[in-house]
């Protein structure tokens, strides 16, 4: 039971990390110190999408599920609702490039605005 809870918690953490990669620049607008957390997270997210790198959280999730005696992700709320957001069906390298581009575009706009507003002060 603890392994399954750990795996479910890790999926939620994974989702929060993805949201942070995409929108963490907005935190930088409020708290400048978040820059040092967001920039490496954003670079990792972009690298995973563009270079098709495996995410270590995925392996950890699968290891925990196997330790819990589970073969797949069928079952509870996390598997049914959160999992498809992180790993949508039909994810192709082309779609990953688009997703990576969205991360770059959203954060480029946020950081450009941040730097322009700091420069004007």
PDB file of N, CA and C in Angstrom:
ATOM      1  N   UNK A   1       0.821  -1.196   0.000  1.00  0.00           N
ATOM      2  CA  UNK A   1       0.000   0.000   0.000  1.00  0.00           C
ATOM      3  C   UNK A   1       0.869   1.265   0.000  1.00  0.00           C
ATOM      4  N   UNK A   2       1.978   1.249   0.738  1.00  0.00           N
ATOM      5  CA  UNK A   2       2.842   2.425   0.782  1.00  0.00           C
ATOM      6  C   UNK A   2       3.502   2.693  -0.567  1.00  0.00           C
ATOM      7  N   UNK A   3       3.864   1.630  -1.275  1.00  0.00           N
ATOM      8  CA  UNK A   3       4.462   1.811  -2.598  1.00  0.00           C
ATOM      9  C   UNK A   3       3.472   2.467  -3.555  1.00  0.00           C
ATOM     10  N   UNK A   4       2.217   2.047  -3.486  1.00  0.00           N
ATOM     11  CA  UNK A   4       1.213   2.641  -4.365  1.00  0.00           C
ATOM     12  C   UNK A   4       0.991   4.108  -4.010  1.00  0.00           C
ATOM     13  N   UNK A   5       0.917   4.416  -2.722  1.00  0.00           N
ATOM     14  CA  UNK A   5       0.764   5.812  -2.312  1.00  0.00           C
ATOM     15  C   UNK A   5       1.969   6.640  -2.762  1.00  0.00           C
ATOM     16  N   UNK A   6       3.151   6.049  -2.648  1.00  0.00           N
ATOM     17  CA  UNK A   6       4.347   6.747  -3.114  1.00  0.00           C
ATOM     18  C   UNK A   6       4.296   7.005  -4.605  1.00  0.00           C
ATOM     19  N   UNK A   7       3.861   6.002  -5.370  1.00  0.00           N
ATOM     20  CA  UNK A   7       3.757   6.164  -6.821  1.00  0.00           C
ATOM     21  C   UNK A   7       2.721   7.225  -7.171  1.00  0.00           C
ATOM     22  N   UNK A   8       1.578   7.203  -6.499  1.00  0.00           N
ATOM     23  CA  UNK A   8       0.540   8.210  -6.758  1.00  0.00           C
ATOM     24  C   UNK A   8       1.035   9.607  -6.399  1.00  0.00           C
ATOM     25  N   UNK A   9       1.725   9.715  -5.285  1.00  0.00           N
ATOM     26  CA  UNK A   9       2.283  11.005  -4.886  1.00  0.00           C
ATOM     27  C   UNK A   9       3.315  11.501  -5.886  1.00  0.00           C
ATOM     28  N   UNK A  10       4.088  10.580  -6.415  1.00  0.00           N
ATOM     29  CA  UNK A  10       5.098  10.945  -7.398  1.00  0.00           C
ATOM     30  C   UNK A  10       4.459  11.421  -8.702  1.00  0.00           C
ATOM     31  N   UNK A  11       3.344  10.820  -9.081  1.00  0.00           N
ATOM     32  CA  UNK A  11       2.629  11.282 -10.279  1.00  0.00           C
ATOM     33  C   UNK A  11       2.139  12.711 -10.062  1.00  0.00           C
ATOM     34  N   UNK A  12       1.625  13.002  -8.881  1.00  0.00           N
ATOM     35  CA  UNK A  12       1.178  14.370  -8.596  1.00  0.00           C
ATOM     36  C   UNK A  12       2.354  15.345  -8.603  1.00  0.00           C
ATOM     37  N   UNK A  13       3.469  14.933  -8.031  1.00  0.00           N
ATOM     38  CA  UNK A  13       4.666  15.760  -8.049  1.00  0.00           C
ATOM     39  C   UNK A  13       5.124  16.002  -9.486  1.00  0.00           C
ATOM     40  N   UNK A  14       5.048  14.975 -10.297  1.00  0.00           N
ATOM     41  CA  UNK A  14       5.412  15.060 -11.710  1.00  0.00           C
ATOM     42  C   UNK A  14       4.543  16.105 -12.415  1.00  0.00           C
ATOM     43  N   UNK A  15       3.249  16.049 -12.162  1.00  0.00           N
ATOM     44  CA  UNK A  15       2.331  17.016 -12.764  1.00  0.00           C
ATOM     45  C   UNK A  15       2.654  18.436 -12.308  1.00  0.00           C
ATOM     46  N   UNK A  16       2.915  18.609 -11.016  1.00  0.00           N
ATOM     47  CA  UNK A  16       3.264  19.935 -10.508  1.00  0.00           C
ATOM     48  C   UNK A  16       4.562  20.446 -11.141  1.00  0.00           C
ATOM     49  N   UNK A  17       5.519  19.545 -11.348  1.00  0.00           N
ATOM     50  CA  UNK A  17       6.767  19.939 -11.986  1.00  0.00           C
ATOM     51  C   UNK A  17       6.509  20.424 -13.412  1.00  0.00           C
ATOM     52  N   UNK A  18       5.646  19.718 -14.133  1.00  0.00           N
ATOM     53  CA  UNK A  18       5.320  20.115 -15.504  1.00  0.00           C
ATOM     54  C   UNK A  18       4.659  21.494 -15.522  1.00  0.00           C
ATOM     55  N   UNK A  19       3.753  21.739 -14.603  1.00  0.00           N
ATOM     56  CA  UNK A  19       3.103  23.052 -14.504  1.00  0.00           C
ATOM     57  C   UNK A  19       4.139  24.124 -14.162  1.00  0.00           C
ATOM     58  N   UNK A  20       5.071  23.789 -13.261  1.00  0.00           N
ATOM     59  CA  UNK A  20       6.133  24.729 -12.897  1.00  0.00           C
ATOM     60  C   UNK A  20       7.027  25.040 -14.091  1.00  0.00           C
ATOM     61  N   UNK A  21       7.366  24.031 -14.889  1.00  0.00           N
ATOM     62  CA  UNK A  21       8.184  24.247 -16.086  1.00  0.00           C
ATOM     63  C   UNK A  21       7.468  25.205 -17.033  1.00  0.00           C
ATOM     64  N   UNK A  22       6.185  24.995 -17.227  1.00  0.00           N
ATOM     65  CA  UNK A  22       5.429  25.815 -18.164  1.00  0.00           C
ATOM     66  C   UNK A  22       5.161  27.219 -17.647  1.00  0.00           C
ATOM     67  N   UNK A  23       4.774  27.342 -16.392  1.00  0.00           N
ATOM     68  CA  UNK A  23       4.300  28.627 -15.873  1.00  0.00           C
ATOM     69  C   UNK A  23       5.125  29.197 -14.732  1.00  0.00           C
ATOM     70  N   UNK A  24       6.252  28.573 -14.419  1.00  0.00           N
ATOM     71  CA  UNK A  24       7.077  29.034 -13.302  1.00  0.00           C
ATOM     72  C   UNK A  24       7.616  30.437 -13.483  1.00  0.00           C
ATOM     73  N   UNK A  25       7.735  30.874 -14.717  1.00  0.00           N
ATOM     74  CA  UNK A  25       8.175  32.241 -14.956  1.00  0.00           C
ATOM     75  C   UNK A  25       7.251  33.270 -14.315  1.00  0.00           C
ATOM     76  N   UNK A  26       5.986  32.907 -14.162  1.00  0.00           N
ATOM     77  CA  UNK A  26       5.049  33.822 -13.492  1.00  0.00           C
ATOM     78  C   UNK A  26       5.416  33.998 -12.017  1.00  0.00           C
ATOM     79  N   UNK A  27       5.960  32.952 -11.399  1.00  0.00           N
ATOM     80  CA  UNK A  27       6.426  33.084 -10.018  1.00  0.00           C
ATOM     81  C   UNK A  27       7.623  34.030  -9.938  1.00  0.00           C
ATOM     82  N   UNK A  28       8.450  34.012 -10.983  1.00  0.00           N
ATOM     83  CA  UNK A  28       9.613  34.888 -11.013  1.00  0.00           C
ATOM     84  C   UNK A  28       9.178  36.349 -11.038  1.00  0.00           C
ATOM     85  N   UNK A  29       8.037  36.630 -11.654  1.00  0.00           N
ATOM     86  CA  UNK A  29       7.528  38.003 -11.664  1.00  0.00           C
ATOM     87  C   UNK A  29       7.240  38.488 -10.244  1.00  0.00           C
ATOM     88  N   UNK A  30       6.812  37.579  -9.391  1.00  0.00           N
ATOM     89  CA  UNK A  30       6.470  37.923  -8.009  1.00  0.00           C
ATOM     90  C   UNK A  30       7.677  37.779  -7.071  1.00  0.00           C
ATOM     91  N   UNK A  31       8.393  36.659  -7.202  1.00  0.00           N
ATOM     92  CA  UNK A  31       9.546  36.361  -6.349  1.00  0.00           C
ATOM     93  C   UNK A  31      10.766  36.121  -7.227  1.00  0.00           C
ATOM     94  N   UNK A  32      11.640  37.101  -7.293  1.00  0.00           N
ATOM     95  CA  UNK A  32      12.813  37.035  -8.185  1.00  0.00           C
ATOM     96  C   UNK A  32      13.692  35.814  -7.892  1.00  0.00           C
ATOM     97  N   UNK A  33      13.735  35.378  -6.635  1.00  0.00           N
ATOM     98  CA  UNK A  33      14.556  34.228  -6.274  1.00  0.00           C
ATOM     99  C   UNK A  33      14.107  32.930  -6.924  1.00  0.00           C
ATOM    100  N   UNK A  34      12.858  32.873  -7.368  1.00  0.00           N
ATOM    101  CA  UNK A  34      12.351  31.669  -8.043  1.00  0.00           C
ATOM    102  C   UNK A  34      13.059  31.437  -9.376  1.00  0.00           C
ATOM    103  N   UNK A  35      13.730  32.468  -9.881  1.00  0.00           N
ATOM    104  CA  UNK A  35      14.472  32.352 -11.134  1.00  0.00           C
ATOM    105  C   UNK A  35      15.470  31.203 -11.069  1.00  0.00           C
ATOM    106  N   UNK A  36      16.151  31.059  -9.930  1.00  0.00           N
ATOM    107  CA  UNK A  36      17.201  30.042  -9.792  1.00  0.00           C
ATOM    108  C   UNK A  36      16.630  28.636  -9.712  1.00  0.00           C
ATOM    109  N   UNK A  37      15.364  28.504  -9.430  1.00  0.00           N
ATOM    110  CA  UNK A  37      14.691  27.197  -9.459  1.00  0.00           C
ATOM    111  C   UNK A  37      14.056  26.953 -10.825  1.00  0.00           C
ATOM    112  N   UNK A  38      13.503  28.012 -11.395  1.00  0.00           N
ATOM    113  CA  UNK A  38      12.749  27.840 -12.628  1.00  0.00           C
ATOM    114  C   UNK A  38      13.645  27.629 -13.847  1.00  0.00           C
ATOM    115  N   UNK A  39      14.727  28.368 -13.963  1.00  0.00           N
ATOM    116  CA  UNK A  39      15.572  28.235 -15.156  1.00  0.00           C
ATOM    117  C   UNK A  39      16.075  26.804 -15.370  1.00  0.00           C
ATOM    118  N   UNK A  40      16.641  26.127 -14.345  1.00  0.00           N
ATOM    119  CA  UNK A  40      17.067  24.742 -14.589  1.00  0.00           C
ATOM    120  C   UNK A  40      15.898  23.805 -14.867  1.00  0.00           C
ATOM    121  N   UNK A  41      14.764  24.022 -14.188  1.00  0.00           N
ATOM    122  CA  UNK A  41      13.589  23.181 -14.438  1.00  0.00           C
ATOM    123  C   UNK A  41      13.099  23.371 -15.867  1.00  0.00           C
ATOM    124  N   UNK A  42      13.070  24.624 -16.319  1.00  0.00           N
ATOM    125  CA  UNK A  42      12.628  24.918 -17.678  1.00  0.00           C
ATOM    126  C   UNK A  42      13.581  24.291 -18.698  1.00  0.00           C
ATOM    127  N   UNK A  43      14.877  24.405 -18.462  1.00  0.00           N
ATOM    128  CA  UNK A  43      15.857  23.807 -19.384  1.00  0.00           C
ATOM    129  C   UNK A  43      15.695  22.293 -19.445  1.00  0.00           C
ATOM    130  N   UNK A  44      15.458  21.674 -18.290  1.00  0.00           N
ATOM    131  CA  UNK A  44      15.244  20.223 -18.278  1.00  0.00           C
ATOM    132  C   UNK A  44      13.977  19.870 -19.063  1.00  0.00           C
ATOM    133  N   UNK A  45      12.904  20.582 -18.838  1.00  0.00           N
ATOM    134  CA  UNK A  45      11.648  20.311 -19.542  1.00  0.00           C
ATOM    135  C   UNK A  45      11.795  20.462 -21.048  1.00  0.00           C
ATOM    136  N   UNK A  46      12.502  21.489 -21.469  1.00  0.00           N
ATOM    137  CA  UNK A  46      12.733  21.702 -22.898  1.00  0.00           C
ATOM    138  C   UNK A  46      13.588  20.571 -23.459  1.00  0.00           C
ATOM    139  N   UNK A  47      14.637  20.189 -22.736  1.00  0.00           N
ATOM    140  CA  UNK A  47      15.513  19.112 -23.198  1.00  0.00           C
ATOM    141  C   UNK A  47      14.756  17.790 -23.316  1.00  0.00           C
ATOM    142  N   UNK A  48      13.895  17.494 -22.352  1.00  0.00           N
ATOM    143  CA  UNK A  48      13.121  16.251 -22.396  1.00  0.00           C
ATOM    144  C   UNK A  48      12.233  16.229 -23.635  1.00  0.00           C
ATOM    145  N   UNK A  49      11.598  17.344 -23.939  1.00  0.00           N
ATOM    146  CA  UNK A  49      10.702  17.394 -25.092  1.00  0.00           C
ATOM    147  C   UNK A  49      11.462  17.356 -26.414  1.00  0.00           C
ATOM    148  N   UNK A  50      12.480  18.193 -26.553  1.00  0.00           N
ATOM    149  CA  UNK A  50      13.187  18.294 -27.833  1.00  0.00           C
ATOM    150  C   UNK A  50      14.113  17.118 -28.101  1.00  0.00           C
ATOM    151  N   UNK A  51      14.732  16.586 -27.063  1.00  0.00           N
ATOM    152  CA  UNK A  51      15.711  15.511 -27.239  1.00  0.00           C
ATOM    153  C   UNK A  51      15.129  14.130 -26.928  1.00  0.00           C
ATOM    154  N   UNK A  52      13.863  14.088 -26.554  1.00  0.00           N
ATOM    155  CA  UNK A  52      13.165  12.837 -26.235  1.00  0.00           C
ATOM    156  C   UNK A  52      13.899  12.053 -25.155  1.00  0.00           C
ATOM    157  N   UNK A  53      14.359  12.767 -24.136  1.00  0.00           N
ATOM    158  CA  UNK A  53      15.063  12.130 -23.031  1.00  0.00           C
ATOM    159  C   UNK A  53      14.063  11.452 -22.104  1.00  0.00           C
ATOM    160  N   UNK A  54      14.449  10.350 -21.498  1.00  0.00           N
ATOM    161  CA  UNK A  54      13.554   9.732 -20.519  1.00  0.00           C
ATOM    162  C   UNK A  54      13.572  10.538 -19.221  1.00  0.00           C
ATOM    163  N   UNK A  55      12.440  10.680 -18.613  1.00  0.00           N
ATOM    164  CA  UNK A  55      12.359  11.398 -17.350  1.00  0.00           C
ATOM    165  C   UNK A  55      12.595  10.408 -16.210  1.00  0.00           C
ATOM    166  N   UNK A  56      13.498  10.704 -15.291  1.00  0.00           N
ATOM    167  CA  UNK A  56      13.756   9.771 -14.194  1.00  0.00           C
ATOM    168  C   UNK A  56      12.549   9.572 -13.287  1.00  0.00           C
ATOM    169  N   UNK A  57      11.654  10.548 -13.229  1.00  0.00           N
ATOM    170  CA  UNK A  57      10.461  10.373 -12.398  1.00  0.00           C
ATOM    171  C   UNK A  57       9.588   9.235 -12.921  1.00  0.00           C
ATOM    172  N   UNK A  58       9.548   9.069 -14.237  1.00  0.00           N
ATOM    173  CA  UNK A  58       8.750   7.995 -14.829  1.00  0.00           C
ATOM    174  C   UNK A  58       9.285   6.633 -14.398  1.00  0.00           C
ATOM    175  N   UNK A  59      10.594   6.464 -14.460  1.00  0.00           N
ATOM    176  CA  UNK A  59      11.177   5.189 -14.022  1.00  0.00           C
ATOM    177  C   UNK A  59      10.898   4.937 -12.548  1.00  0.00           C
ATOM    178  N   UNK A  60      11.014   5.973 -11.750  1.00  0.00           N
ATOM    179  CA  UNK A  60      10.765   5.844 -10.319  1.00  0.00           C
ATOM    180  C   UNK A  60       9.303   5.465 -10.063  1.00  0.00           C
ATOM    181  N   UNK A  61       8.382   6.104 -10.787  1.00  0.00           N
ATOM    182  CA  UNK A  61       6.962   5.765 -10.663  1.00  0.00           C
ATOM    183  C   UNK A  61       6.730   4.289 -10.987  1.00  0.00           C
ATOM    184  N   UNK A  62       7.297   3.842 -12.105  1.00  0.00           N
ATOM    185  CA  UNK A  62       7.109   2.451 -12.514  1.00  0.00           C
ATOM    186  C   UNK A  62       7.723   1.482 -11.511  1.00  0.00           C
ATOM    187  N   UNK A  63       8.889   1.806 -10.968  1.00  0.00           N
ATOM    188  CA  UNK A  63       9.510   0.949  -9.950  1.00  0.00           C
ATOM    189  C   UNK A  63       8.622   0.834  -8.714  1.00  0.00           C
ATOM    190  N   UNK A  64       8.050   1.948  -8.295  1.00  0.00           N
ATOM    191  CA  UNK A  64       7.163   1.915  -7.128  1.00  0.00           C
ATOM    192  C   UNK A  64       5.906   1.097  -7.412  1.00  0.00           C
ATOM    193  N   UNK A  65       5.361   1.224  -8.601  1.00  0.00           N
ATOM    194  CA  UNK A  65       4.165   0.449  -8.948  1.00  0.00           C
ATOM    195  C   UNK A  65       4.479  -1.045  -8.992  1.00  0.00           C
ATOM    196  N   UNK A  66       5.620  -1.401  -9.554  1.00  0.00           N
ATOM    197  CA  UNK A  66       6.001  -2.812  -9.579  1.00  0.00           C
ATOM    198  C   UNK A  66       6.215  -3.336  -8.164  1.00  0.00           C
ATOM    199  N   UNK A  67       6.819  -2.541  -7.302  1.00  0.00           N
ATOM    200  CA  UNK A  67       7.011  -2.947  -5.909  1.00  0.00           C
ATOM    201  C   UNK A  67       5.675  -3.128  -5.195  1.00  0.00           C
ATOM    202  N   UNK A  68       4.662  -2.389  -5.655  1.00  0.00           N
ATOM    203  CA  UNK A  68       3.320  -2.509  -5.077  1.00  0.00           C
ATOM    204  C   UNK A  68       2.555  -3.675  -5.688  1.00  0.00           C
ATOM    205  N   UNK A  69       3.173  -4.367  -6.649  1.00  0.00           N
ATOM    206  CA  UNK A  69       2.516  -5.498  -7.292  1.00  0.00           C
ATOM    207  C   UNK A  69       1.553  -5.096  -8.383  1.00  0.00           C
ATOM    208  N   UNK A  70       1.710  -3.895  -8.904  1.00  0.00           N
ATOM    209  CA  UNK A  70       0.824  -3.404  -9.962  1.00  0.00           C
ATOM    210  C   UNK A  70       1.521  -3.547 -11.301  1.00  0.00           C
ATOM    211  N   UNK A  71       0.754  -3.877 -12.309  1.00  0.00           N
ATOM    212  CA  UNK A  71       1.312  -4.013 -13.650  1.00  0.00           C
ATOM    213  C   UNK A  71       1.070  -2.769 -14.485  1.00  0.00           C
ATOM    214  N   UNK A  72       0.086  -1.988 -14.146  1.00  0.00           N
ATOM    215  CA  UNK A  72      -0.250  -0.833 -14.969  1.00  0.00           C
ATOM    216  C   UNK A  72      -0.765   0.298 -14.134  1.00  0.00           C
ATOM    217  N   UNK A  73      -1.453   1.204 -14.791  1.00  0.00           N
ATOM    218  CA  UNK A  73      -1.948   2.398 -14.144  1.00  0.00           C
ATOM    219  C   UNK A  73      -3.472   2.441 -14.064  1.00  0.00           C
ATOM    220  N   UNK A  74      -4.113   1.291 -14.146  1.00  0.00           N
ATOM    221  CA  UNK A  74      -5.572   1.265 -14.038  1.00  0.00           C
ATOM    222  C   UNK A  74      -5.961   1.368 -12.570  1.00  0.00           C
ATOM    223  N   UNK A  75      -7.051   2.039 -12.295  1.00  0.00           N
ATOM    224  CA  UNK A  75      -7.468   2.079 -10.907  1.00  0.00           C
ATOM    225  C   UNK A  75      -7.991   3.409 -10.450  1.00  0.00           C
ATOM    226  N   UNK A  76      -7.274   4.042  -9.553  1.00  0.00           N
ATOM    227  CA  UNK A  76      -7.774   5.198  -8.823  1.00  0.00           C
ATOM    228  C   UNK A  76      -7.793   6.506  -9.580  1.00  0.00           C
ATOM    229  N   UNK A  77      -8.062   7.548  -8.831  1.00  0.00           N
ATOM    230  CA  UNK A  77      -8.200   8.902  -9.356  1.00  0.00           C
ATOM    231  C   UNK A  77      -6.942   9.351 -10.088  1.00  0.00           C
ATOM    232  N   UNK A  78      -5.804   9.145  -9.472  1.00  0.00           N
ATOM    233  CA  UNK A  78      -4.556   9.619 -10.051  1.00  0.00           C
ATOM    234  C   UNK A  78      -4.328   8.993 -11.427  1.00  0.00           C
ATOM    235  N   UNK A  79      -4.493   7.682 -11.493  1.00  0.00           N
ATOM    236  CA  UNK A  79      -4.264   7.000 -12.765  1.00  0.00           C
ATOM    237  C   UNK A  79      -5.275   7.405 -13.829  1.00  0.00           C
ATOM    238  N   UNK A  80      -6.495   7.629 -13.410  1.00  0.00           N
ATOM    239  CA  UNK A  80      -7.544   7.920 -14.386  1.00  0.00           C
ATOM    240  C   UNK A  80      -7.514   9.366 -14.877  1.00  0.00           C
ATOM    241  N   UNK A  81      -7.233  10.318 -13.982  1.00  0.00           N
ATOM    242  CA  UNK A  81      -7.338  11.733 -14.343  1.00  0.00           C
ATOM    243  C   UNK A  81      -5.999  12.443 -14.538  1.00  0.00           C
ATOM    244  N   UNK A  82      -5.008  12.127 -13.719  1.00  0.00           N
ATOM    245  CA  UNK A  82      -3.741  12.848 -13.784  1.00  0.00           C
ATOM    246  C   UNK A  82      -2.813  12.248 -14.828  1.00  0.00           C
ATOM    247  N   UNK A  83      -2.744  10.942 -14.865  1.00  0.00           N
ATOM    248  CA  UNK A  83      -1.830  10.250 -15.775  1.00  0.00           C
ATOM    249  C   UNK A  83      -2.013  10.660 -17.230  1.00  0.00           C
ATOM    250  N   UNK A  84      -3.246  10.722 -17.774  1.00  0.00           N
ATOM    251  CA  UNK A  84      -3.397  11.122 -19.184  1.00  0.00           C
ATOM    252  C   UNK A  84      -2.951  12.561 -19.470  1.00  0.00           C
ATOM    253  N   UNK A  85      -2.916  13.404 -18.470  1.00  0.00           N
ATOM    254  CA  UNK A  85      -2.430  14.775 -18.668  1.00  0.00           C
ATOM    255  C   UNK A  85      -0.916  14.757 -18.873  1.00  0.00           C
ATOM    256  N   UNK A  86      -0.223  13.932 -18.066  1.00  0.00           N
ATOM    257  CA  UNK A  86       1.224  13.862 -18.159  1.00  0.00           C
ATOM    258  C   UNK A  86       1.647  13.088 -19.403  1.00  0.00           C
ATOM    259  N   UNK A  87       0.961  11.984 -19.681  1.00  0.00           N
ATOM    260  CA  UNK A  87       1.312  11.124 -20.811  1.00  0.00           C
ATOM    261  C   UNK A  87       0.098  10.925 -21.712  1.00  0.00           C
ATOM    262  N   UNK A  88      -0.218  11.911 -22.564  1.00  0.00           N
ATOM    263  CA  UNK A  88      -1.403  11.776 -23.420  1.00  0.00           C
ATOM    264  C   UNK A  88      -1.238  10.645 -24.443  1.00  0.00           C
ATOM    265  N   UNK A  89      -2.352  10.032 -24.799  1.00  0.00           N
ATOM    266  CA  UNK A  89      -2.339   8.977 -25.820  1.00  0.00           C
ATOM    267  C   UNK A  89      -1.927   9.587 -27.156  1.00  0.00           C
ATOM    268  N   UNK A  90      -1.178   8.850 -27.922  1.00  0.00           N
ATOM    269  CA  UNK A  90      -0.783   9.309 -29.248  1.00  0.00           C
ATOM    270  C   UNK A  90       0.327  10.335 -29.247  1.00  0.00           C
ATOM    271  N   UNK A  91       1.102  10.409 -28.171  1.00  0.00           N
ATOM    272  CA  UNK A  91       2.194  11.370 -28.099  1.00  0.00           C
ATOM    273  C   UNK A  91       3.290  10.964 -29.080  1.00  0.00           C
ATOM    274  N   UNK A  92       3.566  11.821 -30.041  1.00  0.00           N
ATOM    275  CA  UNK A  92       4.568  11.545 -31.063  1.00  0.00           C
ATOM    276  C   UNK A  92       5.727  12.529 -30.917  1.00  0.00           C
ATOM    277  N   UNK A  93       6.861  12.243 -31.553  1.00  0.00           N
ATOM    278  CA  UNK A  93       7.971  13.212 -31.513  1.00  0.00           C
ATOM    279  C   UNK A  93       7.574  14.594 -32.040  1.00  0.00           C
ATOM    280  N   UNK A  94       6.732  14.629 -33.050  1.00  0.00           N
ATOM    281  CA  UNK A  94       6.268  15.920 -33.561  1.00  0.00           C
ATOM    282  C   UNK A  94       5.470  16.696 -32.530  1.00  0.00           C
ATOM    283  N   UNK A  95       4.604  16.001 -31.829  1.00  0.00           N
ATOM    284  CA  UNK A  95       3.817  16.655 -30.777  1.00  0.00           C
ATOM    285  C   UNK A  95       4.734  17.114 -29.651  1.00  0.00           C
ATOM    286  N   UNK A  96       5.762  16.318 -29.345  1.00  0.00           N
ATOM    287  CA  UNK A  96       6.705  16.721 -28.307  1.00  0.00           C
ATOM    288  C   UNK A  96       7.434  18.003 -28.699  1.00  0.00           C
ATOM    289  N   UNK A  97       7.758  18.157 -29.985  1.00  0.00           N
ATOM    290  CA  UNK A  97       8.382  19.389 -30.446  1.00  0.00           C
ATOM    291  C   UNK A  97       7.443  20.575 -30.261  1.00  0.00           C
ATOM    292  N   UNK A  98       6.179  20.373 -30.542  1.00  0.00           N
ATOM    293  CA  UNK A  98       5.197  21.444 -30.350  1.00  0.00           C
ATOM    294  C   UNK A  98       5.090  21.798 -28.870  1.00  0.00           C
ATOM    295  N   UNK A  99       5.022  20.780 -28.007  1.00  0.00           N
ATOM    296  CA  UNK A  99       4.941  21.031 -26.567  1.00  0.00           C
ATOM    297  C   UNK A  99       6.183  21.761 -26.067  1.00  0.00           C
ATOM    298  N   UNK A 100       7.341  21.338 -26.534  1.00  0.00           N
ATOM    299  CA  UNK A 100       8.573  22.031 -26.175  1.00  0.00           C
ATOM    300  C   UNK A 100       8.564  23.469 -26.658  1.00  0.00           C
ATOM    301  N   UNK A 101       8.037  23.690 -27.853  1.00  0.00           N
ATOM    302  CA  UNK A 101       7.922  25.042 -28.389  1.00  0.00           C
ATOM    303  C   UNK A 101       6.996  25.917 -27.558  1.00  0.00           C
ATOM    304  N   UNK A 102       5.926  25.323 -27.061  1.00  0.00           N
ATOM    305  CA  UNK A 102       5.003  26.064 -26.190  1.00  0.00           C
ATOM    306  C   UNK A 102       5.718  26.477 -24.915  1.00  0.00           C
ATOM    307  N   UNK A 103       6.495  25.570 -24.333  1.00  0.00           N
ATOM    308  CA  UNK A 103       7.262  25.900 -23.124  1.00  0.00           C
ATOM    309  C   UNK A 103       8.215  27.052 -23.411  1.00  0.00           C
ATOM    310  N   UNK A 104       8.929  26.986 -24.518  1.00  0.00           N
ATOM    311  CA  UNK A 104       9.874  28.043 -24.880  1.00  0.00           C
ATOM    312  C   UNK A 104       9.133  29.353 -25.101  1.00  0.00           C
ATOM    313  N   UNK A 105       8.044  29.338 -25.858  1.00  0.00           N
ATOM    314  CA  UNK A 105       7.306  30.556 -26.177  1.00  0.00           C
ATOM    315  C   UNK A 105       6.716  31.218 -24.932  1.00  0.00           C
ATOM    316  N   UNK A 106       6.023  30.433 -24.119  1.00  0.00           N
ATOM    317  CA  UNK A 106       5.404  30.994 -22.906  1.00  0.00           C
ATOM    318  C   UNK A 106       6.464  31.623 -22.014  1.00  0.00           C
ATOM    319  N   UNK A 107       7.547  30.901 -21.791  1.00  0.00           N
ATOM    320  CA  UNK A 107       8.572  31.418 -20.897  1.00  0.00           C
ATOM    321  C   UNK A 107       9.374  32.552 -21.526  1.00  0.00           C
ATOM    322  N   UNK A 108       9.567  32.541 -22.833  1.00  0.00           N
ATOM    323  CA  UNK A 108      10.256  33.651 -23.493  1.00  0.00           C
ATOM    324  C   UNK A 108       9.461  34.940 -23.314  1.00  0.00           C
ATOM    325  N   UNK A 109       8.155  34.865 -23.474  1.00  0.00           N
ATOM    326  CA  UNK A 109       7.315  36.051 -23.288  1.00  0.00           C
ATOM    327  C   UNK A 109       7.389  36.549 -21.845  1.00  0.00           C
ATOM    328  N   UNK A 110       7.300  35.632 -20.889  1.00  0.00           N
ATOM    329  CA  UNK A 110       7.346  36.021 -19.473  1.00  0.00           C
ATOM    330  C   UNK A 110       8.688  36.649 -19.127  1.00  0.00           C
ATOM    331  N   UNK A 111       9.784  35.991 -19.532  1.00  0.00           N
ATOM    332  CA  UNK A 111      11.098  36.522 -19.195  1.00  0.00           C
ATOM    333  C   UNK A 111      11.430  37.807 -19.962  1.00  0.00           C
ATOM    334  N   UNK A 112      10.964  37.932 -21.179  1.00  0.00           N
ATOM    335  CA  UNK A 112      11.162  39.169 -21.918  1.00  0.00           C
ATOM    336  C   UNK A 112      10.463  40.319 -21.198  1.00  0.00           C
ATOM    337  N   UNK A 113       9.238  40.077 -20.769  1.00  0.00           N
ATOM    338  CA  UNK A 113       8.499  41.098 -20.031  1.00  0.00           C
ATOM    339  C   UNK A 113       9.214  41.436 -18.721  1.00  0.00           C
ATOM    340  N   UNK A 114       9.726  40.415 -18.053  1.00  0.00           N
ATOM    341  CA  UNK A 114      10.441  40.603 -16.798  1.00  0.00           C
ATOM    342  C   UNK A 114      11.674  41.465 -17.001  1.00  0.00           C
ATOM    343  N   UNK A 115      12.469  41.170 -18.040  1.00  0.00           N
ATOM    344  CA  UNK A 115      13.692  41.915 -18.285  1.00  0.00           C
ATOM    345  C   UNK A 115      13.417  43.336 -18.763  1.00  0.00           C
ATOM    346  N   UNK A 116      12.395  43.515 -19.590  1.00  0.00           N
ATOM    347  CA  UNK A 116      12.054  44.850 -20.057  1.00  0.00           C
ATOM    348  C   UNK A 116      11.566  45.707 -18.900  1.00  0.00           C
ATOM    349  N   UNK A 117      10.733  45.129 -18.023  1.00  0.00           N
ATOM    350  CA  UNK A 117      10.237  45.909 -16.889  1.00  0.00           C
ATOM    351  C   UNK A 117      11.359  46.228 -15.910  1.00  0.00           C
ATOM    352  N   UNK A 118      12.334  45.333 -15.736  1.00  0.00           N
ATOM    353  CA  UNK A 118      13.480  45.605 -14.858  1.00  0.00           C
ATOM    354  C   UNK A 118      14.382  46.656 -15.483  1.00  0.00           C
ATOM    355  N   UNK A 119      14.538  46.650 -16.792  1.00  0.00           N
ATOM    356  CA  UNK A 119      15.397  47.598 -17.493  1.00  0.00           C
ATOM    357  C   UNK A 119      14.830  49.015 -17.404  1.00  0.00           C
ATOM    358  N   UNK A 120      13.505  49.139 -17.397  1.00  0.00           N
ATOM    359  CA  UNK A 120      12.854  50.454 -17.349  1.00  0.00           C
ATOM    360  C   UNK A 120      12.948  51.106 -15.981  1.00  0.00           C
ATOM    361  N   UNK A 121      13.247  50.339 -14.959  1.00  0.00           N
ATOM    362  CA  UNK A 121      13.294  50.916 -13.599  1.00  0.00           C
ATOM    363  C   UNK A 121      14.474  51.766 -13.403  1.00  0.00           C
TER     364      UNK A 121
END
